[in-house]
Amino acid sequence: MERAARAIQGLLPSTLPPSLRITPANLYQVLSRTPGGGIGQRVHQIRWTEKGIRNCYWQVTRTRLKLEGNHGKAWGKLYWKGKQISGQEERIGGSLKYKWSAGSS
């Protein structure tokens, strides 16, 4: 089993392409890793988890990605501590300023 794992590691490039990375990144990079540009995905800012704020996330409803998923625009609904805050979809702020990850905080 260990041999197979090493053989597979040898086939992979030393730095993984952005679509295979799971590290936190800007919002557009996180969304571009998923099929459909991230529509329907839950995403959260890493700093929410670091501050101990739990069960908070954006539910992405629409995206417009540019420059190979490094920039763009995204809209969604905000859920804060499990309750929906946004009645309608709104533009997601802080998309380039903060680090983001998939799932809820």
Protein backbone atom coordinates (compact mmCIF):
# COMPACT_ATOMS: atom_id res chain seq x y z
CA MET A 1 0.00 0.00 0.00
CA GLU A 2 2.81 2.36 0.89
CA ARG A 3 4.52 1.69 -2.44
CA ALA A 4 1.37 2.64 -4.35
CA ALA A 5 1.08 5.91 -2.43
CA ARG A 6 4.71 6.79 -3.18
CA ALA A 7 4.25 5.91 -6.85
CA ILE A 8 1.24 8.20 -7.11
CA GLN A 9 3.11 11.01 -5.31
CA GLY A 10 5.91 10.62 -7.86
CA LEU A 11 3.47 11.22 -10.70
CA LEU A 12 2.08 14.44 -9.25
CA PRO A 13 3.82 17.77 -9.88
CA SER A 14 5.70 19.29 -6.94
CA THR A 15 3.22 22.18 -6.77
CA LEU A 16 -0.42 21.30 -7.29
CA PRO A 17 -2.55 23.33 -9.67
CA PRO A 18 -5.03 25.71 -7.98
CA SER A 19 -7.97 23.41 -8.74
CA LEU A 20 -6.46 20.65 -6.54
CA ARG A 21 -5.30 22.79 -3.60
CA ILE A 22 -7.35 22.82 -0.43
CA THR A 23 -5.56 25.70 1.29
CA PRO A 24 -7.46 28.89 2.12
CA ALA A 25 -7.34 31.50 -0.64
CA ASN A 26 -9.31 34.47 -1.86
CA LEU A 27 -13.00 33.85 -2.47
CA TYR A 28 -12.72 33.53 -6.24
CA GLN A 29 -9.93 30.98 -6.05
CA VAL A 30 -11.98 28.87 -3.63
CA LEU A 31 -15.07 29.08 -5.86
CA SER A 32 -13.14 28.32 -9.05
CA ARG A 33 -12.09 24.92 -7.61
CA THR A 34 -15.69 23.70 -7.65
CA PRO A 35 -17.88 22.74 -10.60
CA GLY A 36 -20.25 25.43 -11.81
CA GLY A 37 -18.15 28.27 -10.42
CA GLY A 38 -19.18 27.57 -6.85
CA ILE A 39 -22.90 28.18 -7.20
CA GLY A 40 -24.68 26.52 -4.29
CA GLN A 41 -21.49 26.25 -2.23
CA ARG A 42 -21.08 27.39 1.36
CA VAL A 43 -17.99 29.51 1.99
CA HIS A 44 -16.69 31.35 5.04
CA GLN A 45 -13.90 33.70 6.03
CA ILE A 46 -11.09 31.97 7.93
CA ARG A 47 -11.03 34.78 10.49
CA TRP A 48 -14.55 33.84 11.64
CA THR A 49 -13.27 30.42 12.70
CA GLU A 50 -10.19 31.97 14.33
CA LYS A 51 -12.47 34.25 16.40
CA GLY A 52 -14.61 31.31 17.48
CA ILE A 53 -17.66 32.37 15.48
CA ARG A 54 -19.41 29.13 14.51
CA ASN A 55 -22.05 28.13 11.94
CA CYS A 56 -21.61 31.27 9.79
CA TYR A 57 -21.26 31.19 6.01
CA TRP A 58 -22.29 32.61 2.65
CA GLN A 59 -24.48 30.45 0.40
CA VAL A 60 -23.27 31.40 -3.10
CA THR A 61 -26.09 32.08 -5.59
CA ARG A 62 -24.27 33.66 -8.54
CA THR A 63 -20.67 34.20 -9.70
CA ARG A 64 -18.79 35.94 -12.45
CA LEU A 65 -15.18 34.75 -12.40
CA LYS A 66 -12.35 36.39 -14.35
CA LEU A 67 -8.62 35.87 -14.87
CA GLU A 68 -8.65 32.09 -14.41
CA GLY A 69 -10.62 32.34 -11.17
CA ASN A 70 -8.37 34.84 -9.41
CA HIS A 71 -10.79 37.78 -9.64
CA GLY A 72 -14.46 38.36 -10.28
CA LYS A 73 -17.73 39.01 -8.50
CA ALA A 74 -19.87 36.77 -6.32
CA TRP A 75 -23.33 37.08 -4.82
CA GLY A 76 -25.05 35.08 -2.13
CA LYS A 77 -27.05 34.96 1.06
CA LEU A 78 -25.42 35.38 4.47
CA TYR A 79 -26.18 32.95 7.30
CA TRP A 80 -24.96 34.07 10.71
CA LYS A 81 -24.98 31.57 13.57
CA GLY A 82 -27.35 29.39 11.59
CA LYS A 83 -29.93 32.09 10.79
CA GLN A 84 -30.38 33.67 7.37
CA ILE A 85 -29.50 37.37 7.57
CA SER A 86 -29.90 38.35 3.90
CA GLY A 87 -33.44 38.32 2.55
CA GLN A 88 -32.23 38.71 -1.01
CA GLU A 89 -28.95 37.85 -2.64
CA GLU A 90 -26.26 40.48 -2.15
CA ARG A 91 -22.72 40.94 -3.31
CA ILE A 92 -20.18 39.19 -1.11
CA GLY A 93 -17.70 41.69 0.30
CA GLY A 94 -14.10 41.13 1.39
CA SER A 95 -13.55 38.61 -1.35
CA LEU A 96 -9.95 39.62 -2.07
CA LYS A 97 -9.13 41.11 1.32
CA TYR A 98 -9.63 37.99 3.48
CA LYS A 99 -8.81 34.29 3.22
CA TRP A 100 -11.77 32.03 2.49
CA SER A 101 -12.51 28.32 2.77
CA ALA A 102 -15.34 26.01 1.75
CA GLY A 103 -18.02 25.02 4.27
CA SER A 104 -19.28 26.83 7.33
CA SER A 105 -17.15 28.23 10.14
